[in-house]
Amino acid sequence: MVSEQTKRPPARTFTDDEKASFFAAFERLGSIRLAAEELGFKPMTCRHWVTLAGIDVYRNARARGVCADRDCQRHAPLASA
């Protein structure tokens, strides 16, 4: 028998409007993390949506001249260029 402490809360469901709001924020901000934080969503949930949409986050970041890994020191000069 599963104890009350180990039960997970039910998964949250998102409306199409909430997902559309995320993708609009993602397009504007260029960052899954920033868009998720702005809307109060969990970044991993939003990353899953981006993956399902077939968007290559790393390719898009390189096109903007920044590294998708915000802590990457090797590509830091790209952000200032």
N, C-alpha and C. Protein backbone atom coordinates (compact mmCIF):
# COMPACT_ATOMS: atom_id res chain seq x y z
N MET A 1 0.83 -1.17 0.00
CA MET A 1 0.00 0.00 0.00
C MET A 1 0.89 1.25 0.00
N VAL A 2 0.53 2.26 -0.78
CA VAL A 2 1.32 3.48 -0.91
C VAL A 2 0.93 4.44 0.20
N SER A 3 1.94 4.95 0.90
CA SER A 3 1.65 5.91 1.97
C SER A 3 1.27 7.26 1.39
N GLU A 4 0.66 8.07 2.20
CA GLU A 4 0.24 9.41 1.76
C GLU A 4 1.43 10.28 1.37
N GLN A 5 2.59 10.06 1.99
CA GLN A 5 3.76 10.87 1.72
C GLN A 5 4.36 10.60 0.35
N THR A 6 4.20 9.41 -0.19
CA THR A 6 4.83 9.09 -1.46
C THR A 6 3.92 9.34 -2.66
N LYS A 7 2.67 9.70 -2.44
CA LYS A 7 1.77 9.99 -3.56
C LYS A 7 2.15 11.31 -4.22
N ARG A 8 2.17 11.30 -5.53
CA ARG A 8 2.46 12.52 -6.28
C ARG A 8 1.17 13.29 -6.51
N PRO A 9 1.25 14.59 -6.54
CA PRO A 9 0.05 15.36 -6.86
C PRO A 9 -0.33 15.11 -8.32
N PRO A 10 -1.58 15.30 -8.66
CA PRO A 10 -1.97 15.08 -10.06
C PRO A 10 -1.24 16.05 -10.99
N ALA A 11 -0.93 15.57 -12.17
CA ALA A 11 -0.21 16.40 -13.15
C ALA A 11 -1.10 17.57 -13.57
N ARG A 12 -0.47 18.71 -13.73
CA ARG A 12 -1.21 19.89 -14.17
C ARG A 12 -1.45 19.79 -15.67
N THR A 13 -2.61 20.20 -16.10
CA THR A 13 -2.89 20.25 -17.54
C THR A 13 -2.89 21.72 -17.95
N PHE A 14 -2.42 21.96 -19.16
CA PHE A 14 -2.31 23.32 -19.68
C PHE A 14 -3.25 23.48 -20.86
N THR A 15 -3.86 24.64 -20.96
CA THR A 15 -4.76 24.93 -22.07
C THR A 15 -3.94 25.29 -23.31
N ASP A 16 -4.58 25.27 -24.44
CA ASP A 16 -3.91 25.68 -25.67
C ASP A 16 -3.49 27.15 -25.59
N ASP A 17 -4.29 27.97 -24.92
CA ASP A 17 -3.95 29.39 -24.77
C ASP A 17 -2.69 29.57 -23.92
N GLU A 18 -2.53 28.75 -22.87
CA GLU A 18 -1.33 28.84 -22.04
C GLU A 18 -0.10 28.43 -22.84
N LYS A 19 -0.23 27.38 -23.64
CA LYS A 19 0.91 26.96 -24.47
C LYS A 19 1.24 28.02 -25.51
N ALA A 20 0.19 28.62 -26.09
CA ALA A 20 0.42 29.68 -27.09
C ALA A 20 1.10 30.88 -26.43
N SER A 21 0.72 31.19 -25.19
CA SER A 21 1.37 32.28 -24.46
C SER A 21 2.85 31.98 -24.24
N PHE A 22 3.15 30.72 -23.90
CA PHE A 22 4.54 30.34 -23.72
C PHE A 22 5.33 30.53 -25.01
N PHE A 23 4.80 30.01 -26.13
CA PHE A 23 5.55 30.10 -27.39
C PHE A 23 5.72 31.55 -27.84
N ALA A 24 4.74 32.41 -27.54
CA ALA A 24 4.90 33.84 -27.85
C ALA A 24 6.02 34.45 -27.01
N ALA A 25 6.04 34.11 -25.72
CA ALA A 25 7.10 34.61 -24.84
C ALA A 25 8.45 34.04 -25.25
N PHE A 26 8.48 32.77 -25.62
CA PHE A 26 9.73 32.13 -26.06
C PHE A 26 10.27 32.81 -27.31
N GLU A 27 9.39 33.11 -28.24
CA GLU A 27 9.79 33.79 -29.47
C GLU A 27 10.37 35.18 -29.15
N ARG A 28 9.73 35.88 -28.24
CA ARG A 28 10.14 37.23 -27.87
C ARG A 28 11.44 37.24 -27.08
N LEU A 29 11.56 36.31 -26.11
CA LEU A 29 12.71 36.31 -25.21
C LEU A 29 13.87 35.44 -25.69
N GLY A 30 13.57 34.43 -26.51
CA GLY A 30 14.61 33.56 -27.03
C GLY A 30 15.16 32.57 -26.01
N SER A 31 14.46 32.38 -24.90
CA SER A 31 14.93 31.49 -23.85
C SER A 31 13.76 30.75 -23.23
N ILE A 32 13.89 29.43 -23.15
CA ILE A 32 12.85 28.63 -22.52
C ILE A 32 12.73 29.03 -21.06
N ARG A 33 13.86 29.14 -20.37
CA ARG A 33 13.84 29.45 -18.95
C ARG A 33 13.18 30.79 -18.67
N LEU A 34 13.55 31.81 -19.42
CA LEU A 34 12.98 33.14 -19.19
C LEU A 34 11.49 33.17 -19.49
N ALA A 35 11.08 32.52 -20.57
CA ALA A 35 9.66 32.50 -20.93
C ALA A 35 8.86 31.73 -19.87
N ALA A 36 9.40 30.62 -19.40
CA ALA A 36 8.71 29.83 -18.38
C ALA A 36 8.58 30.63 -17.08
N GLU A 37 9.65 31.28 -16.67
CA GLU A 37 9.62 32.08 -15.44
C GLU A 37 8.62 33.22 -15.54
N GLU A 38 8.56 33.85 -16.70
CA GLU A 38 7.64 34.98 -16.89
C GLU A 38 6.19 34.54 -16.68
N LEU A 39 5.89 33.31 -17.12
CA LEU A 39 4.51 32.82 -17.05
C LEU A 39 4.23 31.95 -15.83
N GLY A 40 5.26 31.65 -15.05
CA GLY A 40 5.07 30.83 -13.86
C GLY A 40 4.97 29.34 -14.16
N PHE A 41 5.54 28.90 -15.28
CA PHE A 41 5.54 27.49 -15.66
C PHE A 41 6.89 26.88 -15.29
N LYS A 42 6.92 25.57 -15.17
CA LYS A 42 8.18 24.88 -14.92
C LYS A 42 8.97 24.79 -16.23
N PRO A 43 10.25 25.15 -16.21
CA PRO A 43 11.05 25.13 -17.44
C PRO A 43 11.11 23.75 -18.12
N MET A 44 11.14 22.68 -17.35
CA MET A 44 11.21 21.35 -17.98
C MET A 44 9.93 21.02 -18.75
N THR A 45 8.79 21.48 -18.27
CA THR A 45 7.54 21.29 -18.99
C THR A 45 7.61 22.04 -20.32
N CYS A 46 8.08 23.26 -20.28
CA CYS A 46 8.18 24.08 -21.49
C CYS A 46 9.21 23.50 -22.46
N ARG A 47 10.32 22.99 -21.93
CA ARG A 47 11.33 22.36 -22.79
C ARG A 47 10.72 21.16 -23.52
N HIS A 48 9.86 20.43 -22.83
CA HIS A 48 9.18 19.29 -23.45
C HIS A 48 8.31 19.77 -24.61
N TRP A 49 7.57 20.86 -24.42
CA TRP A 49 6.74 21.41 -25.50
C TRP A 49 7.59 21.81 -26.70
N VAL A 50 8.74 22.45 -26.43
CA VAL A 50 9.63 22.89 -27.51
C VAL A 50 10.15 21.68 -28.28
N THR A 51 10.53 20.63 -27.54
CA THR A 51 11.02 19.41 -28.18
C THR A 51 9.94 18.79 -29.05
N LEU A 52 8.71 18.71 -28.52
CA LEU A 52 7.60 18.14 -29.29
C LEU A 52 7.29 18.96 -30.53
N ALA A 53 7.54 20.27 -30.45
CA ALA A 53 7.30 21.15 -31.60
C ALA A 53 8.41 21.03 -32.64
N GLY A 54 9.48 20.30 -32.31
CA GLY A 54 10.57 20.10 -33.26
C GLY A 54 11.51 21.29 -33.39
N ILE A 55 11.55 22.14 -32.38
CA ILE A 55 12.41 23.32 -32.42
C ILE A 55 13.79 22.94 -31.87
N ASP A 56 14.82 23.24 -32.62
CA ASP A 56 16.20 22.98 -32.19
C ASP A 56 16.70 24.21 -31.46
N VAL A 57 16.67 24.17 -30.14
CA VAL A 57 17.04 25.32 -29.32
C VAL A 57 18.48 25.72 -29.56
N TYR A 58 19.37 24.76 -29.70
CA TYR A 58 20.79 25.08 -29.87
C TYR A 58 21.06 25.74 -31.20
N ARG A 59 20.40 25.31 -32.26
CA ARG A 59 20.58 25.94 -33.57
C ARG A 59 20.07 27.38 -33.53
N ASN A 60 18.92 27.60 -32.89
CA ASN A 60 18.36 28.94 -32.79
C ASN A 60 19.27 29.86 -31.99
N ALA A 61 19.88 29.34 -30.94
CA ALA A 61 20.79 30.15 -30.12
C ALA A 61 22.03 30.52 -30.93
N ARG A 62 22.57 29.57 -31.69
CA ARG A 62 23.75 29.87 -32.51
C ARG A 62 23.42 30.92 -33.56
N ALA A 63 22.20 30.89 -34.10
CA ALA A 63 21.80 31.87 -35.10
C ALA A 63 21.74 33.27 -34.49
N ARG A 64 21.41 33.36 -33.19
CA ARG A 64 21.37 34.66 -32.50
C ARG A 64 22.75 35.08 -32.04
N GLY A 65 23.75 34.17 -32.15
CA GLY A 65 25.10 34.50 -31.74
C GLY A 65 25.35 34.30 -30.27
N VAL A 66 24.54 33.47 -29.62
CA VAL A 66 24.75 33.16 -28.20
C VAL A 66 24.72 31.66 -28.02
N CYS A 67 25.30 31.21 -26.94
CA CYS A 67 25.29 29.80 -26.62
C CYS A 67 24.02 29.50 -25.83
N ALA A 68 23.35 28.40 -26.11
CA ALA A 68 22.14 28.03 -25.39
C ALA A 68 22.43 27.71 -23.94
N ASP A 69 23.66 27.36 -23.63
CA ASP A 69 24.06 27.10 -22.25
C ASP A 69 24.51 28.43 -21.65
N ARG A 70 23.68 29.03 -20.82
CA ARG A 70 23.97 30.38 -20.31
C ARG A 70 25.20 30.45 -19.44
N ASP A 71 25.69 29.31 -18.95
CA ASP A 71 26.88 29.29 -18.12
C ASP A 71 28.14 28.93 -18.90
N CYS A 72 28.04 28.81 -20.19
CA CYS A 72 29.16 28.38 -21.02
C CYS A 72 30.18 29.52 -21.14
N GLN A 73 31.39 29.29 -20.67
CA GLN A 73 32.44 30.29 -20.74
C GLN A 73 33.12 30.31 -22.11
N ARG A 74 33.10 29.18 -22.79
CA ARG A 74 33.76 29.08 -24.08
C ARG A 74 33.10 29.98 -25.11
N HIS A 75 31.78 30.12 -25.02
CA HIS A 75 31.05 30.93 -26.00
C HIS A 75 30.65 32.29 -25.48
N ALA A 76 31.11 32.66 -24.29
CA ALA A 76 30.76 33.95 -23.71
C ALA A 76 31.06 35.13 -24.63
N PRO A 77 32.18 35.11 -25.37
CA PRO A 77 32.45 36.24 -26.27
C PRO A 77 31.39 36.44 -27.35
N LEU A 78 30.67 35.37 -27.71
CA LEU A 78 29.63 35.50 -28.73
C LEU A 78 28.54 36.44 -28.27
N ALA A 79 28.19 36.39 -26.98
CA ALA A 79 27.12 37.21 -26.46
C ALA A 79 27.47 38.70 -26.50
N SER A 80 28.74 39.04 -26.37
CA SER A 80 29.13 40.45 -26.37
C SER A 80 29.41 40.98 -27.77
N ALA A 81 29.44 40.10 -28.76
CA ALA A 81 29.75 40.53 -30.13
C ALA A 81 28.60 41.26 -30.77
